[in-house]
Amino acid sequence: MSNDLAQHGEPRSAAEVTAALSKALPEREIKPTVVRGTLESLVAKGQAHRTKQKKSVFYSAATTDAAADAGESGEARAS
């Protein structure tokens, strides 16, 4: 799912991500609540960003530099 966000390039709503997944995987039932939960999980892991515009929430992929920095700092702490 984070790949879909990265490929699109601009923030997308959970509904837009759900529609794209449903189109890409027509044989599967894609539930909006599952997509939203997965997106929130990616945000919690630092793999995606959440922005709010009025009452809407949009998700975008975390930059690869930020993800790499998070991984390096985690490795440094573990040493």
PDB file of N, CA and C in Angstrom:
ATOM      1  N   MET A   1       0.827  -1.186   0.000  1.00  0.00           N
ATOM      2  CA  MET A   1       0.000   0.000   0.000  1.00  0.00           C
ATOM      3  C   MET A   1       0.869   1.247   0.000  1.00  0.00           C
ATOM      4  N   SER A   2       2.006   1.200   0.738  1.00  0.00           N
ATOM      5  CA  SER A   2       2.879   2.365   0.731  1.00  0.00           C
ATOM      6  C   SER A   2       3.475   2.575  -0.658  1.00  0.00           C
ATOM      7  N   ASN A   3       3.668   1.487  -1.430  1.00  0.00           N
ATOM      8  CA  ASN A   3       4.152   1.635  -2.806  1.00  0.00           C
ATOM      9  C   ASN A   3       3.145   2.401  -3.643  1.00  0.00           C
ATOM     10  N   ASP A   4       1.862   2.127  -3.436  1.00  0.00           N
ATOM     11  CA  ASP A   4       0.810   2.833  -4.174  1.00  0.00           C
ATOM     12  C   ASP A   4       0.861   4.323  -3.853  1.00  0.00           C
ATOM     13  N   LEU A   5       1.077   4.666  -2.602  1.00  0.00           N
ATOM     14  CA  LEU A   5       1.169   6.069  -2.214  1.00  0.00           C
ATOM     15  C   LEU A   5       2.392   6.718  -2.843  1.00  0.00           C
ATOM     16  N   ALA A   6       3.512   6.014  -2.856  1.00  0.00           N
ATOM     17  CA  ALA A   6       4.754   6.561  -3.421  1.00  0.00           C
ATOM     18  C   ALA A   6       4.634   6.760  -4.925  1.00  0.00           C
ATOM     19  N   GLN A   7       4.005   5.825  -5.618  1.00  0.00           N
ATOM     20  CA  GLN A   7       3.875   5.920  -7.064  1.00  0.00           C
ATOM     21  C   GLN A   7       2.955   7.061  -7.473  1.00  0.00           C
ATOM     22  N   HIS A   8       1.949   7.325  -6.676  1.00  0.00           N
ATOM     23  CA  HIS A   8       0.983   8.365  -7.034  1.00  0.00           C
ATOM     24  C   HIS A   8       1.598   9.752  -6.886  1.00  0.00           C
ATOM     25  N   GLY A   9       2.433   9.939  -5.871  1.00  0.00           N
ATOM     26  CA  GLY A   9       3.172  11.185  -5.728  1.00  0.00           C
ATOM     27  C   GLY A   9       2.498  12.291  -4.946  1.00  0.00           C
ATOM     28  N   GLU A  10       1.203  12.303  -4.839  1.00  0.00           N
ATOM     29  CA  GLU A  10       0.524  13.345  -4.074  1.00  0.00           C
ATOM     30  C   GLU A  10      -0.378  12.686  -3.034  1.00  0.00           C
ATOM     31  N   PRO A  11      -0.706  13.415  -1.969  1.00  0.00           N
ATOM     32  CA  PRO A  11      -1.552  12.826  -0.923  1.00  0.00           C
ATOM     33  C   PRO A  11      -2.874  12.314  -1.465  1.00  0.00           C
ATOM     34  N   ARG A  12      -3.317  11.187  -0.900  1.00  0.00           N
ATOM     35  CA  ARG A  12      -4.575  10.566  -1.329  1.00  0.00           C
ATOM     36  C   ARG A  12      -5.407  10.236  -0.100  1.00  0.00           C
ATOM     37  N   SER A  13      -6.706  10.294  -0.261  1.00  0.00           N
ATOM     38  CA  SER A  13      -7.606   9.921   0.824  1.00  0.00           C
ATOM     39  C   SER A  13      -7.702   8.403   0.908  1.00  0.00           C
ATOM     40  N   ALA A  14      -8.182   7.917   2.027  1.00  0.00           N
ATOM     41  CA  ALA A  14      -8.377   6.476   2.183  1.00  0.00           C
ATOM     42  C   ALA A  14      -9.364   5.957   1.133  1.00  0.00           C
ATOM     43  N   ALA A  15     -10.353   6.760   0.782  1.00  0.00           N
ATOM     44  CA  ALA A  15     -11.329   6.351  -0.240  1.00  0.00           C
ATOM     45  C   ALA A  15     -10.658   6.210  -1.607  1.00  0.00           C
ATOM     46  N   GLU A  16      -9.736   7.120  -1.920  1.00  0.00           N
ATOM     47  CA  GLU A  16      -9.021   7.030  -3.199  1.00  0.00           C
ATOM     48  C   GLU A  16      -8.128   5.794  -3.245  1.00  0.00           C
ATOM     49  N   VAL A  17      -7.475   5.498  -2.132  1.00  0.00           N
ATOM     50  CA  VAL A  17      -6.619   4.310  -2.067  1.00  0.00           C
ATOM     51  C   VAL A  17      -7.479   3.057  -2.191  1.00  0.00           C
ATOM     52  N   THR A  18      -8.630   3.040  -1.520  1.00  0.00           N
ATOM     53  CA  THR A  18      -9.544   1.902  -1.596  1.00  0.00           C
ATOM     54  C   THR A  18     -10.010   1.685  -3.040  1.00  0.00           C
ATOM     55  N   ALA A  19     -10.377   2.760  -3.719  1.00  0.00           N
ATOM     56  CA  ALA A  19     -10.838   2.656  -5.112  1.00  0.00           C
ATOM     57  C   ALA A  19      -9.728   2.127  -6.017  1.00  0.00           C
ATOM     58  N   ALA A  20      -8.499   2.602  -5.814  1.00  0.00           N
ATOM     59  CA  ALA A  20      -7.380   2.146  -6.635  1.00  0.00           C
ATOM     60  C   ALA A  20      -7.091   0.665  -6.398  1.00  0.00           C
ATOM     61  N   LEU A  21      -7.146   0.242  -5.148  1.00  0.00           N
ATOM     62  CA  LEU A  21      -6.917  -1.171  -4.835  1.00  0.00           C
ATOM     63  C   LEU A  21      -8.035  -2.050  -5.402  1.00  0.00           C
ATOM     64  N   SER A  22      -9.269  -1.585  -5.301  1.00  0.00           N
ATOM     65  CA  SER A  22     -10.404  -2.344  -5.836  1.00  0.00           C
ATOM     66  C   SER A  22     -10.296  -2.505  -7.345  1.00  0.00           C
ATOM     67  N   LYS A  23      -9.807  -1.459  -8.009  1.00  0.00           N
ATOM     68  CA  LYS A  23      -9.631  -1.516  -9.459  1.00  0.00           C
ATOM     69  C   LYS A  23      -8.474  -2.452  -9.819  1.00  0.00           C
ATOM     70  N   ALA A  24      -7.394  -2.393  -9.057  1.00  0.00           N
ATOM     71  CA  ALA A  24      -6.221  -3.227  -9.333  1.00  0.00           C
ATOM     72  C   ALA A  24      -6.454  -4.692  -8.979  1.00  0.00           C
ATOM     73  N   LEU A  25      -7.305  -4.928  -7.992  1.00  0.00           N
ATOM     74  CA  LEU A  25      -7.572  -6.291  -7.522  1.00  0.00           C
ATOM     75  C   LEU A  25      -9.074  -6.566  -7.524  1.00  0.00           C
ATOM     76  N   PRO A  26      -9.699  -6.652  -8.703  1.00  0.00           N
ATOM     77  CA  PRO A  26     -11.156  -6.794  -8.764  1.00  0.00           C
ATOM     78  C   PRO A  26     -11.689  -8.092  -8.152  1.00  0.00           C
ATOM     79  N   GLU A  27     -10.828  -9.096  -8.034  1.00  0.00           N
ATOM     80  CA  GLU A  27     -11.270 -10.373  -7.473  1.00  0.00           C
ATOM     81  C   GLU A  27     -11.335 -10.345  -5.941  1.00  0.00           C
ATOM     82  N   ARG A  28     -10.822  -9.288  -5.333  1.00  0.00           N
ATOM     83  CA  ARG A  28     -10.808  -9.194  -3.873  1.00  0.00           C
ATOM     84  C   ARG A  28     -11.780  -8.137  -3.394  1.00  0.00           C
ATOM     85  N   GLU A  29     -12.354  -8.379  -2.233  1.00  0.00           N
ATOM     86  CA  GLU A  29     -13.231  -7.383  -1.600  1.00  0.00           C
ATOM     87  C   GLU A  29     -12.362  -6.502  -0.719  1.00  0.00           C
ATOM     88  N   ILE A  30     -12.226  -5.245  -1.095  1.00  0.00           N
ATOM     89  CA  ILE A  30     -11.391  -4.298  -0.351  1.00  0.00           C
ATOM     90  C   ILE A  30     -12.309  -3.450   0.522  1.00  0.00           C
ATOM     91  N   LYS A  31     -12.141  -3.567   1.834  1.00  0.00           N
ATOM     92  CA  LYS A  31     -12.996  -2.822   2.759  1.00  0.00           C
ATOM     93  C   LYS A  31     -12.325  -1.513   3.165  1.00  0.00           C
ATOM     94  N   PRO A  32     -13.053  -0.417   3.077  1.00  0.00           N
ATOM     95  CA  PRO A  32     -12.480   0.893   3.432  1.00  0.00           C
ATOM     96  C   PRO A  32     -11.927   0.953   4.855  1.00  0.00           C
ATOM     97  N   THR A  33     -12.575   0.274   5.781  1.00  0.00           N
ATOM     98  CA  THR A  33     -12.092   0.306   7.162  1.00  0.00           C
ATOM     99  C   THR A  33     -10.731  -0.375   7.301  1.00  0.00           C
ATOM    100  N   VAL A  34     -10.511  -1.430   6.521  1.00  0.00           N
ATOM    101  CA  VAL A  34      -9.223  -2.131   6.547  1.00  0.00           C
ATOM    102  C   VAL A  34      -8.138  -1.247   5.929  1.00  0.00           C
ATOM    103  N   VAL A  35      -8.472  -0.579   4.833  1.00  0.00           N
ATOM    104  CA  VAL A  35      -7.514   0.318   4.184  1.00  0.00           C
ATOM    105  C   VAL A  35      -7.139   1.452   5.132  1.00  0.00           C
ATOM    106  N   ARG A  36      -8.135   2.056   5.757  1.00  0.00           N
ATOM    107  CA  ARG A  36      -7.867   3.157   6.685  1.00  0.00           C
ATOM    108  C   ARG A  36      -7.002   2.692   7.850  1.00  0.00           C
ATOM    109  N   GLY A  37      -7.292   1.534   8.390  1.00  0.00           N
ATOM    110  CA  GLY A  37      -6.494   0.989   9.490  1.00  0.00           C
ATOM    111  C   GLY A  37      -5.063   0.701   9.075  1.00  0.00           C
ATOM    112  N   THR A  38      -4.902   0.182   7.867  1.00  0.00           N
ATOM    113  CA  THR A  38      -3.560  -0.103   7.357  1.00  0.00           C
ATOM    114  C   THR A  38      -2.791   1.197   7.129  1.00  0.00           C
ATOM    115  N   LEU A  39      -3.456   2.202   6.586  1.00  0.00           N
ATOM    116  CA  LEU A  39      -2.802   3.499   6.391  1.00  0.00           C
ATOM    117  C   LEU A  39      -2.369   4.098   7.724  1.00  0.00           C
ATOM    118  N   GLU A  40      -3.214   4.006   8.732  1.00  0.00           N
ATOM    119  CA  GLU A  40      -2.865   4.521  10.056  1.00  0.00           C
ATOM    120  C   GLU A  40      -1.690   3.745  10.645  1.00  0.00           C
ATOM    121  N   SER A  41      -1.631   2.453  10.389  1.00  0.00           N
ATOM    122  CA  SER A  41      -0.510   1.636  10.834  1.00  0.00           C
ATOM    123  C   SER A  41       0.787   2.080  10.168  1.00  0.00           C
ATOM    124  N   LEU A  42       0.714   2.375   8.869  1.00  0.00           N
ATOM    125  CA  LEU A  42       1.891   2.872   8.150  1.00  0.00           C
ATOM    126  C   LEU A  42       2.347   4.216   8.711  1.00  0.00           C
ATOM    127  N   VAL A  43       1.402   5.071   9.088  1.00  0.00           N
ATOM    128  CA  VAL A  43       1.739   6.356   9.705  1.00  0.00           C
ATOM    129  C   VAL A  43       2.459   6.115  11.033  1.00  0.00           C
ATOM    130  N   ALA A  44       1.935   5.195  11.828  1.00  0.00           N
ATOM    131  CA  ALA A  44       2.544   4.897  13.127  1.00  0.00           C
ATOM    132  C   ALA A  44       3.964   4.358  12.989  1.00  0.00           C
ATOM    133  N   LYS A  45       4.223   3.639  11.913  1.00  0.00           N
ATOM    134  CA  LYS A  45       5.552   3.076  11.668  1.00  0.00           C
ATOM    135  C   LYS A  45       6.485   4.061  10.977  1.00  0.00           C
ATOM    136  N   GLY A  46       5.973   5.229  10.600  1.00  0.00           N
ATOM    137  CA  GLY A  46       6.784   6.219   9.922  1.00  0.00           C
ATOM    138  C   GLY A  46       6.948   5.969   8.432  1.00  0.00           C
ATOM    139  N   GLN A  47       6.136   5.074   7.871  1.00  0.00           N
ATOM    140  CA  GLN A  47       6.231   4.755   6.448  1.00  0.00           C
ATOM    141  C   GLN A  47       5.273   5.590   5.605  1.00  0.00           C
ATOM    142  N   ALA A  48       4.425   6.366   6.253  1.00  0.00           N
ATOM    143  CA  ALA A  48       3.487   7.244   5.555  1.00  0.00           C
ATOM    144  C   ALA A  48       3.242   8.470   6.422  1.00  0.00           C
ATOM    145  N   HIS A  49       2.746   9.517   5.793  1.00  0.00           N
ATOM    146  CA  HIS A  49       2.405  10.750   6.502  1.00  0.00           C
ATOM    147  C   HIS A  49       0.914  11.008   6.366  1.00  0.00           C
ATOM    148  N   ARG A  50       0.348  11.619   7.414  1.00  0.00           N
ATOM    149  CA  ARG A  50      -1.073  11.968   7.408  1.00  0.00           C
ATOM    150  C   ARG A  50      -1.183  13.489   7.472  1.00  0.00           C
ATOM    151  N   THR A  51      -2.009  14.047   6.619  1.00  0.00           N
ATOM    152  CA  THR A  51      -2.281  15.480   6.679  1.00  0.00           C
ATOM    153  C   THR A  51      -3.796  15.675   6.687  1.00  0.00           C
ATOM    154  N   LYS A  52      -4.221  16.720   7.381  1.00  0.00           N
ATOM    155  CA  LYS A  52      -5.651  17.028   7.438  1.00  0.00           C
ATOM    156  C   LYS A  52      -5.906  18.329   6.705  1.00  0.00           C
ATOM    157  N   GLN A  53      -6.954  18.330   5.911  1.00  0.00           N
ATOM    158  CA  GLN A  53      -7.419  19.530   5.227  1.00  0.00           C
ATOM    159  C   GLN A  53      -8.903  19.654   5.534  1.00  0.00           C
ATOM    160  N   LYS A  54      -9.223  20.583   6.386  1.00  0.00           N
ATOM    161  CA  LYS A  54     -10.580  20.740   6.906  1.00  0.00           C
ATOM    162  C   LYS A  54     -10.997  19.435   7.587  1.00  0.00           C
ATOM    163  N   LYS A  55     -12.024  18.749   7.078  1.00  0.00           N
ATOM    164  CA  LYS A  55     -12.470  17.505   7.703  1.00  0.00           C
ATOM    165  C   LYS A  55     -11.929  16.263   7.015  1.00  0.00           C
ATOM    166  N   SER A  56     -11.106  16.450   5.975  1.00  0.00           N
ATOM    167  CA  SER A  56     -10.576  15.316   5.211  1.00  0.00           C
ATOM    168  C   SER A  56      -9.166  14.964   5.676  1.00  0.00           C
ATOM    169  N   VAL A  57      -8.850  13.679   5.589  1.00  0.00           N
ATOM    170  CA  VAL A  57      -7.521  13.192   5.938  1.00  0.00           C
ATOM    171  C   VAL A  57      -6.897  12.607   4.677  1.00  0.00           C
ATOM    172  N   PHE A  58      -5.645  12.988   4.418  1.00  0.00           N
ATOM    173  CA  PHE A  58      -4.926  12.507   3.249  1.00  0.00           C
ATOM    174  C   PHE A  58      -3.636  11.839   3.686  1.00  0.00           C
ATOM    175  N   TYR A  59      -3.238  10.832   2.943  1.00  0.00           N
ATOM    176  CA  TYR A  59      -2.041  10.058   3.255  1.00  0.00           C
ATOM    177  C   TYR A  59      -1.062  10.148   2.094  1.00  0.00           C
ATOM    178  N   SER A  60       0.209  10.211   2.437  1.00  0.00           N
ATOM    179  CA  SER A  60       1.265  10.196   1.421  1.00  0.00           C
ATOM    180  C   SER A  60       2.404   9.332   1.942  1.00  0.00           C
ATOM    181  N   ALA A  61       3.210   8.843   1.016  1.00  0.00           N
ATOM    182  CA  ALA A  61       4.336   7.995   1.393  1.00  0.00           C
ATOM    183  C   ALA A  61       5.389   8.845   2.088  1.00  0.00           C
ATOM    184  N   ALA A  62       6.050   8.245   3.076  1.00  0.00           N
ATOM    185  CA  ALA A  62       7.178   8.914   3.708  1.00  0.00           C
ATOM    186  C   ALA A  62       8.308   8.948   2.695  1.00  0.00           C
ATOM    187  N   THR A  63       9.093   9.994   2.720  1.00  0.00           N
ATOM    188  CA  THR A  63      10.218  10.068   1.786  1.00  0.00           C
ATOM    189  C   THR A  63      11.215   8.972   2.127  1.00  0.00           C
ATOM    190  N   THR A  64      11.906   8.493   1.126  1.00  0.00           N
ATOM    191  CA  THR A  64      12.875   7.420   1.354  1.00  0.00           C
ATOM    192  C   THR A  64      14.001   7.894   2.257  1.00  0.00           C
ATOM    193  N   ASP A  65      14.382   9.163   2.175  1.00  0.00           N
ATOM    194  CA  ASP A  65      15.431   9.695   3.040  1.00  0.00           C
ATOM    195  C   ASP A  65      15.005   9.646   4.503  1.00  0.00           C
ATOM    196  N   ALA A  66      13.761  10.036   4.778  1.00  0.00           N
ATOM    197  CA  ALA A  66      13.260  10.019   6.155  1.00  0.00           C
ATOM    198  C   ALA A  66      13.174   8.595   6.669  1.00  0.00           C
ATOM    199  N   ALA A  67      12.734   7.669   5.822  1.00  0.00           N
ATOM    200  CA  ALA A  67      12.637   6.267   6.233  1.00  0.00           C
ATOM    201  C   ALA A  67      14.025   5.693   6.498  1.00  0.00           C
ATOM    202  N   ALA A  68      14.991   6.041   5.675  1.00  0.00           N
ATOM    203  CA  ALA A  68      16.357   5.554   5.867  1.00  0.00           C
ATOM    204  C   ALA A  68      16.948   6.127   7.147  1.00  0.00           C
ATOM    205  N   ASP A  69      16.701   7.415   7.411  1.00  0.00           N
ATOM    206  CA  ASP A  69      17.204   8.027   8.635  1.00  0.00           C
ATOM    207  C   ASP A  69      16.610   7.358   9.866  1.00  0.00           C
ATOM    208  N   ALA A  70      15.324   7.032   9.822  1.00  0.00           N
ATOM    209  CA  ALA A  70      14.666   6.370  10.952  1.00  0.00           C
ATOM    210  C   ALA A  70      15.276   4.998  11.183  1.00  0.00           C
ATOM    211  N   GLY A  71      15.556   4.284  10.107  1.00  0.00           N
ATOM    212  CA  GLY A  71      16.176   2.968  10.224  1.00  0.00           C
ATOM    213  C   GLY A  71      17.575   3.054  10.788  1.00  0.00           C
ATOM    214  N   GLU A  72      18.365   4.048  10.364  1.00  0.00           N
ATOM    215  CA  GLU A  72      19.723   4.200  10.859  1.00  0.00           C
ATOM    216  C   GLU A  72      19.734   4.563  12.324  1.00  0.00           C
ATOM    217  N   SER A  73      18.836   5.467  12.756  1.00  0.00           N
ATOM    218  CA  SER A  73      18.821   5.844  14.155  1.00  0.00           C
ATOM    219  C   SER A  73      18.370   4.689  15.023  1.00  0.00           C
ATOM    220  N   GLY A  74      17.498   3.838  14.511  1.00  0.00           N
ATOM    221  CA  GLY A  74      17.066   2.658  15.250  1.00  0.00           C
ATOM    222  C   GLY A  74      18.213   1.676  15.398  1.00  0.00           C
ATOM    223  N   GLU A  75      19.035   1.530  14.342  1.00  0.00           N
ATOM    224  CA  GLU A  75      20.179   0.640  14.401  1.00  0.00           C
ATOM    225  C   GLU A  75      21.225   1.181  15.360  1.00  0.00           C
ATOM    226  N   ALA A  76      21.404   2.503  15.356  1.00  0.00           N
ATOM    227  CA  ALA A  76      22.408   3.104  16.240  1.00  0.00           C
ATOM    228  C   ALA A  76      22.033   2.887  17.691  1.00  0.00           C
ATOM    229  N   ARG A  77      20.757   2.989  18.008  1.00  0.00           N
ATOM    230  CA  ARG A  77      20.316   2.767  19.387  1.00  0.00           C
ATOM    231  C   ARG A  77      20.481   1.322  19.807  1.00  0.00           C
ATOM    232  N   ALA A  78      20.305   0.403  18.862  1.00  0.00           N
ATOM    233  CA  ALA A  78      20.393  -1.012  19.179  1.00  0.00           C
ATOM    234  C   ALA A  78      21.835  -1.433  19.444  1.00  0.00           C
ATOM    235  N   SER A  79      22.816  -0.677  18.937  1.00  0.00           N
ATOM    236  CA  SER A  79      24.230  -1.033  19.102  1.00  0.00           C
ATOM    237  C   SER A  79      24.734  -0.733  20.484  1.00  0.00           C
TER     238      SER A  79
END
